[in-house]
């Protein structure tokens, strides 16, 4: 055989072997995906490297991601960057503008987050939580902070003699005006007529008989009403009522609020307050609130909110920075990455790796061809030289 032909065949064969070897070496990273048995004999190198070491790769990848790629320090550094804060501030500003111009109601906004069923359940839970919070809040004020044991004069602002006199005067005027309006009403006139008739009936004897014969109840009421009104409008009546109210205020001011509440309601203060919190119509309030437009809540405060955005954004990011280490521990990033990699199909993983490194793998194959050809060339030349 001619030397040149021998060299050509050697280079071709060696290049082919080098290329095929590298090609199958790359393929064996992913294939076969399952172990192969011939009878009870396990065929070596099956499954491929990545399917066989999938759990180890997942664990290592989780550790690498948590220790080097996605770290608490790296995330904190990212969040504290001025550019990131500027982006967050711009996002909040755009959100505020959208809300200020939105025609959505609160219910429509809620339904963008929850389904109708979940929103109805959320309303029930919100109402129950509201009552629970109100009950705990009142219990805290009443028992733990001692509001029930405090005197009335300690809780009412401006409790002094001058104010009590003014309050008593206003209350007396209100009482006298209410009594006067009642007397002048049709119901009041009927009441006076009934009282006059009862007085005549109770008189008895000759005087009662004469009163029943000659007394005209309507005329008596017409004459009695102006006298009663003048009596009610007199300073003497007002002064007496003012004095009574003022004395009562002084007496009540020295009593604990719980005692006054029990006196007014006929039940213990804690029971009365608990009963009232249970009767809060929170469902009705929530239903009314559902029809409120988001813009009507945001628009009046939009300018102030926009001015406060830089400081609010800074505080929010500061809270996030402090919470990042705790959050990283809570989500257990290495375990999370490991679980996700284990769930990832090998077929899809192969597609991803080949899409990223396909050119490099082909270059490795052709490098095998090149190295095989060079080795074949040197081998053939060496064989020719040694005869």
Protein backbone atom coordinates (compact mmCIF):
# COMPACT_ATOMS: atom_id res chain seq x y z
CA UNK A 1 0.00 0.00 0.00
CA UNK A 2 1.28 3.43 -0.88
CA UNK A 3 2.48 5.47 2.07
CA UNK A 4 0.17 8.37 1.35
CA UNK A 5 -2.86 6.08 1.22
CA UNK A 6 -1.82 4.44 4.50
CA UNK A 7 -1.48 7.86 6.14
CA UNK A 8 -4.89 8.98 4.76
CA UNK A 9 -6.66 5.85 5.99
CA UNK A 10 -5.03 6.08 9.44
CA UNK A 11 -5.95 9.75 9.83
CA UNK A 12 -9.53 9.11 8.67
CA UNK A 13 -10.06 6.15 10.97
CA UNK A 14 -8.51 7.87 13.98
CA UNK A 15 -10.51 11.04 13.35
CA UNK A 16 -13.71 9.01 13.04
CA UNK A 17 -12.99 7.12 16.25
CA UNK A 18 -12.17 10.34 18.11
CA UNK A 19 -15.36 12.06 16.92
CA UNK A 20 -17.61 9.06 17.64
CA UNK A 21 -16.02 8.58 21.07
CA UNK A 22 -16.66 12.18 22.10
CA UNK A 23 -20.16 12.12 20.65
CA UNK A 24 -21.14 9.02 22.62
CA UNK A 25 -19.42 10.36 25.72
CA UNK A 26 -21.69 13.41 25.56
CA UNK A 27 -24.75 11.28 24.87
CA UNK A 28 -23.93 9.08 27.84
CA UNK A 29 -24.38 12.07 30.12
CA UNK A 30 -28.16 11.67 29.58
CA UNK A 31 -28.64 8.24 28.01
CA UNK A 32 -29.83 5.70 28.73
CA UNK A 33 -32.24 7.17 31.22
CA UNK A 34 -32.94 3.85 32.94
CA UNK A 35 -30.68 0.95 33.92
CA UNK A 36 -30.39 -1.87 31.39
CA UNK A 37 -30.23 -5.52 32.40
CA UNK A 38 -29.40 -8.57 30.35
CA UNK A 39 -30.94 -11.22 32.50
CA UNK A 40 -29.55 -10.43 35.93
CA UNK A 41 -26.47 -8.75 34.50
CA UNK A 42 -26.45 -4.97 34.89
CA UNK A 43 -25.01 -3.33 31.83
CA UNK A 44 -22.24 -0.96 32.95
CA UNK A 45 -22.68 2.80 32.57
CA UNK A 46 -26.47 2.50 32.58
CA UNK A 47 -28.29 4.70 33.29
CA UNK A 48 -26.40 7.77 32.09
CA UNK A 49 -24.37 9.94 34.41
CA UNK A 50 -27.00 12.64 35.04
CA UNK A 51 -29.99 10.26 35.55
CA UNK A 52 -27.84 8.04 37.79
CA UNK A 53 -26.49 10.88 39.94
CA UNK A 54 -29.66 12.96 39.81
CA UNK A 55 -30.17 13.15 43.58
CA UNK A 56 -26.51 13.99 44.20
CA UNK A 57 -26.60 16.64 41.49
CA UNK A 58 -29.81 18.10 43.00
CA UNK A 59 -28.27 18.25 46.47
CA UNK A 60 -25.05 19.80 45.20
CA UNK A 61 -26.92 22.30 43.05
CA UNK A 62 -29.09 23.29 46.04
CA UNK A 63 -26.00 23.89 48.17
CA UNK A 64 -24.28 25.86 45.40
CA UNK A 65 -27.34 28.06 44.84
CA UNK A 66 -27.80 28.72 48.58
CA UNK A 67 -24.11 29.20 49.40
CA UNK A 68 -22.88 31.13 46.37
CA UNK A 69 -25.67 32.29 44.05
CA UNK A 70 -28.72 33.28 46.09
CA UNK A 71 -27.42 34.33 49.51
CA UNK A 72 -28.99 36.52 52.18
CA UNK A 73 -26.08 38.95 51.93
CA UNK A 74 -26.43 39.17 48.16
CA UNK A 75 -30.16 39.83 48.35
CA UNK A 76 -29.65 42.46 51.06
CA UNK A 77 -27.02 44.18 48.94
CA UNK A 78 -29.39 44.11 45.96
CA UNK A 79 -32.30 45.60 47.93
CA UNK A 80 -30.18 48.40 49.38
CA UNK A 81 -28.96 49.60 45.99
CA UNK A 82 -30.20 53.11 45.10
CA UNK A 83 -31.28 51.87 41.67
CA UNK A 84 -33.44 49.16 43.21
CA UNK A 85 -35.00 51.64 45.64
CA UNK A 86 -35.69 53.99 42.74
CA UNK A 87 -37.42 51.21 40.81
CA UNK A 88 -39.49 50.26 43.85
CA UNK A 89 -40.46 53.89 44.38
CA UNK A 90 -41.44 54.25 40.72
CA UNK A 91 -43.53 51.08 40.91
CA UNK A 92 -45.40 52.32 43.99
CA UNK A 93 -45.94 55.70 42.34
CA UNK A 94 -47.43 54.06 39.23
CA UNK A 95 -49.61 51.83 41.41
CA UNK A 96 -50.84 54.86 43.35
CA UNK A 97 -51.68 56.68 40.12
CA UNK A 98 -53.61 53.66 38.80
CA UNK A 99 -55.57 53.34 42.02
CA UNK A 100 -56.33 57.05 42.07
CA UNK A 101 -57.83 56.87 38.58
CA UNK A 102 -59.45 53.45 38.99
CA UNK A 103 -63.20 53.04 38.61
CA UNK A 104 -63.15 49.70 40.38
CA UNK A 105 -65.07 49.13 43.56
CA UNK A 106 -63.49 47.45 46.54
CA UNK A 107 -65.38 44.28 45.70
CA UNK A 108 -64.11 44.27 42.11
CA UNK A 109 -60.57 44.82 43.37
CA UNK A 110 -60.98 41.93 45.81
CA UNK A 111 -62.29 39.63 43.07
CA UNK A 112 -59.08 40.25 41.13
CA UNK A 113 -57.27 38.44 43.94
CA UNK A 114 -59.87 35.93 45.16
CA UNK A 115 -62.69 33.97 43.61
CA UNK A 116 -66.28 34.82 44.55
CA UNK A 117 -66.49 31.89 46.94
CA UNK A 118 -63.22 32.74 48.64
CA UNK A 119 -64.22 36.40 48.91
CA UNK A 120 -67.50 35.46 50.62
CA UNK A 121 -65.58 33.25 53.01
CA UNK A 122 -63.10 36.07 53.58
CA UNK A 123 -65.95 38.46 54.46
CA UNK A 124 -67.29 36.05 57.05
CA UNK A 125 -63.83 35.59 58.55
CA UNK A 126 -63.24 39.35 58.47
CA UNK A 127 -66.47 40.01 60.35
CA UNK A 128 -65.67 37.34 62.93
CA UNK A 129 -62.13 38.66 63.30
CA UNK A 130 -63.46 42.20 63.69
CA UNK A 131 -65.73 41.16 66.53
CA UNK A 132 -62.93 39.19 68.14
CA UNK A 133 -60.54 42.15 67.90
CA UNK A 134 -63.17 44.52 69.28
CA UNK A 135 -63.91 42.15 72.16
CA UNK A 136 -60.22 41.72 72.99
CA UNK A 137 -59.63 45.45 72.68
CA UNK A 138 -62.46 46.32 75.05
CA UNK A 139 -61.33 43.59 77.45
CA UNK A 140 -57.81 45.02 77.38
CA UNK A 141 -59.05 48.55 78.07
CA UNK A 142 -61.60 47.49 80.64
CA UNK A 143 -59.67 44.90 82.63
CA UNK A 144 -55.94 45.10 81.94
CA UNK A 145 -55.73 48.89 81.71
CA UNK A 146 -58.31 49.37 84.45
CA UNK A 147 -60.76 51.62 82.62
CA UNK A 148 -63.68 49.95 84.38
CA UNK A 149 -62.29 50.90 87.79
CA UNK A 150 -61.55 54.50 86.87
CA UNK A 151 -63.88 57.23 88.06
CA UNK A 152 -66.13 58.96 85.57
CA UNK A 153 -64.52 62.32 86.24
CA UNK A 154 -61.11 60.86 85.28
CA UNK A 155 -62.31 59.73 81.86
CA UNK A 156 -64.45 62.70 80.83
CA UNK A 157 -62.30 65.54 79.43
CA UNK A 158 -62.79 68.93 81.07
CA UNK A 159 -64.49 67.63 84.19
CA UNK A 160 -64.64 70.75 86.40
CA UNK A 161 -67.28 72.83 88.18
CA UNK A 162 -67.62 75.39 85.38
CA UNK A 163 -68.14 72.73 82.71
CA UNK A 164 -70.53 70.76 84.90
CA UNK A 165 -72.60 73.92 85.35
CA UNK A 166 -72.66 74.47 81.60
CA UNK A 167 -73.55 70.83 80.92
CA UNK A 168 -76.29 70.95 83.54
CA UNK A 169 -77.76 74.12 82.01
CA UNK A 170 -77.76 72.61 78.52
CA UNK A 171 -79.32 69.37 79.82
CA UNK A 172 -81.98 71.31 81.77
CA UNK A 173 -82.93 73.36 78.72
CA UNK A 174 -83.18 70.20 76.64
CA UNK A 175 -85.36 68.49 79.24
CA UNK A 176 -87.69 71.49 79.69
CA UNK A 177 -87.98 71.97 75.92
CA UNK A 178 -88.83 68.30 75.45
CA UNK A 179 -91.47 68.45 78.19
CA UNK A 180 -92.95 71.63 76.70
CA UNK A 181 -93.13 70.12 73.21
CA UNK A 182 -94.76 67.01 74.63
CA UNK A 183 -97.40 69.04 76.51
CA UNK A 184 -98.25 71.08 73.41
CA UNK A 185 -98.53 68.02 71.19
CA UNK A 186 -101.80 66.23 70.55
CA UNK A 187 -100.66 63.32 72.67
CA UNK A 188 -99.81 65.69 75.52
CA UNK A 189 -103.20 67.38 75.34
CA UNK A 190 -104.92 64.00 75.52
CA UNK A 191 -102.78 63.10 78.51
CA UNK A 192 -103.80 66.32 80.32
CA UNK A 193 -107.48 65.69 79.55
CA UNK A 194 -107.16 62.18 80.96
CA UNK A 195 -105.45 63.51 84.07
CA UNK A 196 -108.24 66.06 84.60
CA UNK A 197 -110.89 63.35 84.29
CA UNK A 198 -109.05 61.11 86.74
CA UNK A 199 -108.79 63.97 89.23
CA UNK A 200 -112.58 64.50 89.08
CA UNK A 201 -113.23 60.79 89.51
CA UNK A 202 -110.94 60.53 92.50
CA UNK A 203 -112.43 63.56 94.25
CA UNK A 204 -115.62 61.61 95.23
CA UNK A 205 -118.54 62.82 97.34
CA UNK A 206 -120.47 65.99 96.68
CA UNK A 207 -117.39 67.85 95.35
CA UNK A 208 -116.66 65.10 92.90
CA UNK A 209 -120.25 65.03 91.71
CA UNK A 210 -120.32 68.80 91.19
CA UNK A 211 -116.96 68.65 89.36
CA UNK A 212 -118.24 65.94 87.07
CA UNK A 213 -121.36 68.03 86.27
CA UNK A 214 -119.89 71.45 85.76
CA UNK A 215 -116.21 70.83 84.74
CA UNK A 216 -115.35 70.97 81.03
CA UNK A 217 -112.11 68.98 80.64
CA UNK A 218 -111.17 70.60 77.32
CA UNK A 219 -111.56 74.13 78.71
CA UNK A 220 -109.62 73.14 81.79
CA UNK A 221 -106.79 71.75 79.64
CA UNK A 222 -106.71 74.90 77.47
CA UNK A 223 -106.37 77.05 80.61
CA UNK A 224 -103.96 74.69 82.32
CA UNK A 225 -101.56 74.31 79.38
CA UNK A 226 -100.33 77.98 79.23
CA UNK A 227 -99.80 77.93 82.99
CA UNK A 228 -97.74 74.77 82.76
CA UNK A 229 -95.71 76.18 79.85
CA UNK A 230 -94.99 79.39 81.78
CA UNK A 231 -93.94 77.31 84.77
CA UNK A 232 -91.59 75.28 82.58
CA UNK A 233 -90.13 78.45 81.05
CA UNK A 234 -89.52 80.08 84.41
CA UNK A 235 -86.03 80.54 85.76
CA UNK A 236 -87.10 78.86 88.99
CA UNK A 237 -87.94 75.58 87.23
CA UNK A 238 -84.74 75.74 85.20
CA UNK A 239 -82.71 76.47 88.31
CA UNK A 240 -84.15 73.50 90.20
CA UNK A 241 -83.55 71.11 87.32
CA UNK A 242 -80.02 72.46 86.84
CA UNK A 243 -79.35 71.93 90.54
CA UNK A 244 -80.65 68.36 90.41
CA UNK A 245 -78.59 67.49 87.32
CA UNK A 246 -75.48 69.11 88.75
CA UNK A 247 -75.81 67.18 92.00
CA UNK A 248 -76.25 63.94 90.05
CA UNK A 249 -73.19 64.71 87.95
CA UNK A 250 -71.12 65.30 91.07
CA UNK A 251 -72.36 62.03 92.52
CA UNK A 252 -71.76 60.06 89.31
CA UNK A 253 -68.33 61.63 88.87
CA UNK A 254 -67.13 59.93 92.05
CA UNK A 255 -68.27 56.47 90.94
CA UNK A 256 -66.37 53.92 88.80
CA UNK A 257 -67.48 53.63 85.19
CA UNK A 258 -68.25 49.92 85.60
CA UNK A 259 -70.69 50.67 88.42
CA UNK A 260 -72.44 53.36 86.39
CA UNK A 261 -72.68 51.08 83.36
CA UNK A 262 -74.10 48.28 85.49
CA UNK A 263 -76.58 50.71 87.02
CA UNK A 264 -77.70 51.88 83.58
CA UNK A 265 -77.92 48.48 81.88
CA UNK A 266 -78.88 46.15 84.72
CA UNK A 267 -76.03 43.72 83.89
CA UNK A 268 -72.30 43.53 84.52
CA UNK A 269 -70.17 45.86 82.44
CA UNK A 270 -68.06 43.07 80.91
CA UNK A 271 -71.15 41.10 79.88
CA UNK A 272 -72.80 44.18 78.42
CA UNK A 273 -69.70 45.16 76.43
CA UNK A 274 -69.21 41.59 75.16
CA UNK A 275 -72.86 41.44 74.13
CA UNK A 276 -72.58 44.74 72.26
CA UNK A 277 -69.47 43.64 70.35
CA UNK A 278 -71.30 40.49 69.24
CA UNK A 279 -74.13 42.66 67.91
CA UNK A 280 -71.84 44.83 65.76
CA UNK A 281 -73.32 44.76 62.20
CA UNK A 282 -69.94 44.14 60.59
CA UNK A 283 -71.42 42.12 57.71
CA UNK A 284 -73.62 45.08 56.80
CA UNK A 285 -70.70 47.50 57.03
CA UNK A 286 -68.57 45.25 54.80
CA UNK A 287 -71.39 44.99 52.25
CA UNK A 288 -71.71 48.77 52.18
CA UNK A 289 -67.94 49.15 51.85
CA UNK A 290 -67.88 46.79 48.84
CA UNK A 291 -69.58 49.41 46.66
CA UNK A 292 -67.06 52.14 47.51
CA UNK A 293 -64.79 53.04 44.60
CA UNK A 294 -61.08 52.62 45.16
CA UNK A 295 -60.41 56.05 43.65
CA UNK A 296 -62.67 57.73 46.23
CA UNK A 297 -60.44 56.38 48.98
CA UNK A 298 -57.11 57.07 47.27
CA UNK A 299 -57.71 60.39 45.45
CA UNK A 300 -58.11 62.65 48.54
CA UNK A 301 -54.78 61.45 49.91
CA UNK A 302 -52.92 60.94 46.63
CA UNK A 303 -50.78 64.08 46.84
CA UNK A 304 -49.75 63.41 50.44
CA UNK A 305 -49.09 59.74 49.68
CA UNK A 306 -46.95 60.62 46.66
CA UNK A 307 -44.89 63.04 48.76
CA UNK A 308 -44.38 60.35 51.39
CA UNK A 309 -43.38 57.63 48.90
CA UNK A 310 -39.57 58.03 49.27
CA UNK A 311 -39.65 57.66 53.03
CA UNK A 312 -42.27 54.88 52.88
CA UNK A 313 -40.26 52.99 50.27
CA UNK A 314 -37.11 53.34 52.35
CA UNK A 315 -38.85 51.99 55.46
CA UNK A 316 -40.41 49.09 53.56
CA UNK A 317 -37.08 48.12 52.04
CA UNK A 318 -35.41 48.40 55.46
CA UNK A 319 -37.99 45.99 56.86
CA UNK A 320 -37.42 43.65 53.91
CA UNK A 321 -33.64 43.76 54.42
CA UNK A 322 -34.02 42.81 58.07
CA UNK A 323 -36.40 39.99 57.21
CA UNK A 324 -34.35 38.44 54.38
CA UNK A 325 -32.16 36.18 56.60
CA UNK A 326 -35.20 34.88 58.46
CA UNK A 327 -37.07 34.35 55.20
CA UNK A 328 -34.13 32.49 53.67
CA UNK A 329 -34.03 30.17 56.67
CA UNK A 330 -37.76 29.68 56.55
CA UNK A 331 -37.93 28.69 52.88
CA UNK A 332 -34.90 26.33 53.22
CA UNK A 333 -33.50 27.25 49.81
CA UNK A 334 -31.11 24.26 49.41
CA UNK A 335 -33.92 21.80 50.08
CA UNK A 336 -36.29 23.75 47.83
CA UNK A 337 -33.82 23.73 44.93
CA UNK A 338 -33.10 20.06 45.51
CA UNK A 339 -36.79 19.15 45.40
CA UNK A 340 -37.37 21.19 42.25
CA UNK A 341 -34.39 19.64 40.46
CA UNK A 342 -35.55 16.15 41.41
CA UNK A 343 -38.99 16.90 39.99
CA UNK A 344 -37.48 18.32 36.79
CA UNK A 345 -37.81 15.80 33.89
CA UNK A 346 -34.47 14.54 32.59
CA UNK A 347 -35.72 15.07 29.04
CA UNK A 348 -36.41 18.69 29.72
CA UNK A 349 -33.10 19.08 31.54
CA UNK A 350 -31.31 17.68 28.48
CA UNK A 351 -33.13 20.15 26.23
CA UNK A 352 -32.14 23.04 28.47
CA UNK A 353 -28.49 22.03 28.66
CA UNK A 354 -28.25 21.37 24.91
CA UNK A 355 -29.97 24.68 24.11
CA UNK A 356 -27.32 26.46 26.17
CA UNK A 357 -24.26 24.32 25.42
CA UNK A 358 -25.15 22.67 22.10
CA UNK A 359 -22.44 24.56 20.20
CA UNK A 360 -19.83 23.64 22.81
CA UNK A 361 -20.83 19.98 22.69
CA UNK A 362 -20.55 19.99 18.89
CA UNK A 363 -17.19 21.70 19.20
CA UNK A 364 -16.09 18.92 21.59
CA UNK A 365 -17.17 16.33 19.02
CA UNK A 366 -15.18 18.02 16.26
CA UNK A 367 -12.26 18.44 18.64
CA UNK A 368 -12.31 14.68 19.04
CA UNK A 369 -12.20 14.37 15.26
CA UNK A 370 -9.24 16.76 15.13
CA UNK A 371 -7.30 15.12 17.92
CA UNK A 372 -8.05 11.66 16.50
CA UNK A 373 -6.81 12.79 13.09
CA UNK A 374 -3.61 14.22 14.58
CA UNK A 375 -3.01 11.05 16.56
CA UNK A 376 -3.65 8.94 13.43
CA UNK A 377 -1.23 11.12 11.46
CA UNK A 378 1.57 10.75 14.01
CA UNK A 379 0.87 7.04 14.36
CA UNK A 380 0.99 6.42 10.63
CA UNK A 381 4.15 8.47 10.17
CA UNK A 382 5.75 6.64 13.10
CA UNK A 383 4.86 3.26 11.59
CA UNK A 384 6.27 4.26 8.23
CA UNK A 385 9.48 5.52 9.87
CA UNK A 386 10.05 2.30 11.82
CA UNK A 387 9.41 0.23 8.68
